[in-house]
Each structure stands twice: as structure tokens, then as C-alpha cells.
């Protein structure tokens, strides 16, 4: 996550928010309480509990379902779901 944040100019962008930098199936925004990617500096995120670290794959929101498209392109493939509790 740190490298991705630095590459984004140390700015919370929609792309960084939607990315899953640790590969655990949860977006960075979901892990940091901004699942809709609307947070701005100085504002309170949508959720301030069940926060996890977007840089560690063994840290994830406990009660949040996760879905991602796994395939050859960003628009085709299989929908993969992870429903709580996380294994």
C-alpha cells in the first residue's frame, strides 16, 4: 500500500481507493472505511470501526463481503466472492 500511495503522489485517489494492494479481496477504501471512495482530507470516513491495514493480506474488515472480477481483462471473467467471516 505504501508504494501505491507514494506512486499516487501521496494523494487519496479513486484508483488507489478501488485498488486491492495487498491482494486480500478487499479494496483499500473498504479496508480504510471509505468503501464508496468519497473521502476527502479533513472529513470523517463513512466507517471508523472495523478498519484494517491495506498493506497486509492477513488484515481485513471482519464483517464485510468482498467481490472481485477475476479474468483476462478488467471487464471479463468470473465473479469471485468472499463472504464473512473471513477464513
Protein backbone atom coordinates (compact mmCIF):
# COMPACT_ATOMS: atom_id res chain seq x y z
CA UNK A 1 0.00 0.00 0.00
CA UNK A 2 2.81 2.40 0.87
CA UNK A 3 4.39 2.10 -2.58
CA UNK A 4 1.00 2.58 -4.28
CA UNK A 5 0.26 5.62 -2.09
CA UNK A 6 3.65 7.12 -2.97
CA UNK A 7 3.05 6.41 -6.68
CA UNK A 8 -0.27 8.31 -6.37
CA UNK A 9 1.65 11.35 -5.14
CA UNK A 10 0.65 10.67 -1.51
CA UNK A 11 -2.90 11.52 -2.54
CA UNK A 12 -6.07 9.52 -1.86
CA UNK A 13 -7.32 8.92 -5.39
CA UNK A 14 -10.28 6.92 -6.65
CA UNK A 15 -7.88 4.50 -8.33
CA UNK A 16 -5.93 3.97 -5.10
CA UNK A 17 -9.15 3.62 -3.14
CA UNK A 18 -10.52 0.96 -5.52
CA UNK A 19 -7.25 -0.96 -5.72
CA UNK A 20 -6.57 -4.05 -3.59
CA UNK A 21 -2.86 -3.51 -2.95
CA UNK A 22 -2.45 -6.46 -0.59
CA UNK A 23 -4.48 -8.93 -2.67
CA UNK A 24 -6.85 -9.98 0.12
CA UNK A 25 -10.03 -9.34 -1.89
CA UNK A 26 -10.90 -6.04 -0.16
CA UNK A 27 -10.33 -2.64 -1.75
CA UNK A 28 -8.08 -0.16 0.03
CA UNK A 29 -11.13 2.05 0.54
CA UNK A 30 -13.08 -0.76 2.13
CA UNK A 31 -10.19 -1.53 4.48
CA UNK A 32 -9.83 2.14 5.47
CA UNK A 33 -13.54 2.92 5.97
CA UNK A 34 -14.17 4.58 2.59
CA UNK A 35 -15.90 1.87 0.53
CA UNK A 36 -17.52 4.42 -1.82
CA UNK A 37 -14.20 6.26 -2.40
CA UNK A 38 -15.63 9.66 -1.50
CA UNK A 39 -13.44 10.62 1.49
CA UNK A 40 -11.59 13.94 1.35
CA UNK A 41 -8.87 15.27 3.62
CA UNK A 42 -10.29 16.58 6.88
CA UNK A 43 -13.57 14.68 6.51
CA UNK A 44 -14.74 11.71 8.56
CA UNK A 45 -14.74 8.43 6.62
CA UNK A 46 -18.01 6.55 6.16
CA UNK A 47 -16.87 3.94 8.68
CA UNK A 48 -14.47 4.40 11.58
CA UNK A 49 -14.74 0.91 13.06
CA UNK A 50 -13.59 -2.41 11.61
CA UNK A 51 -10.64 -0.68 9.94
CA UNK A 52 -7.88 -2.90 8.56
CA UNK A 53 -4.44 -2.37 7.01
CA UNK A 54 -4.46 -2.29 3.19
CA UNK A 55 -0.81 -3.35 3.10
CA UNK A 56 -1.15 -6.70 4.87
CA UNK A 57 -3.20 -9.53 3.36
CA UNK A 58 -3.89 -11.03 6.80
CA UNK A 59 -5.57 -7.77 7.91
CA UNK A 60 -9.11 -7.36 6.59
CA UNK A 61 -12.51 -5.97 7.64
CA UNK A 62 -14.18 -8.68 9.72
CA UNK A 63 -17.80 -8.25 8.64
CA UNK A 64 -17.61 -7.04 5.06
CA UNK A 65 -18.38 -9.15 1.99
CA UNK A 66 -15.91 -8.85 -0.84
CA UNK A 67 -16.43 -9.35 -4.56
CA UNK A 68 -13.95 -9.06 -7.38
CA UNK A 69 -13.82 -9.92 -11.07
CA UNK A 70 -11.06 -12.38 -11.90
CA UNK A 71 -10.33 -12.71 -15.59
CA UNK A 72 -8.21 -11.83 -18.57
CA UNK A 73 -9.41 -8.20 -18.68
CA UNK A 74 -10.88 -5.75 -16.17
CA UNK A 75 -14.32 -6.36 -17.73
CA UNK A 76 -14.49 -10.12 -18.36
CA UNK A 77 -14.01 -13.13 -16.16
CA UNK A 78 -15.52 -14.78 -13.11
CA UNK A 79 -17.03 -13.01 -10.11
CA UNK A 80 -15.22 -14.20 -7.01
CA UNK A 81 -16.96 -13.64 -3.68
CA UNK A 82 -15.65 -13.74 -0.14
CA UNK A 83 -18.37 -13.67 2.50
CA UNK A 84 -17.69 -13.17 6.18
CA UNK A 85 -16.33 -14.44 8.40
CA UNK A 86 -13.04 -14.34 6.58
CA UNK A 87 -11.33 -17.77 6.63
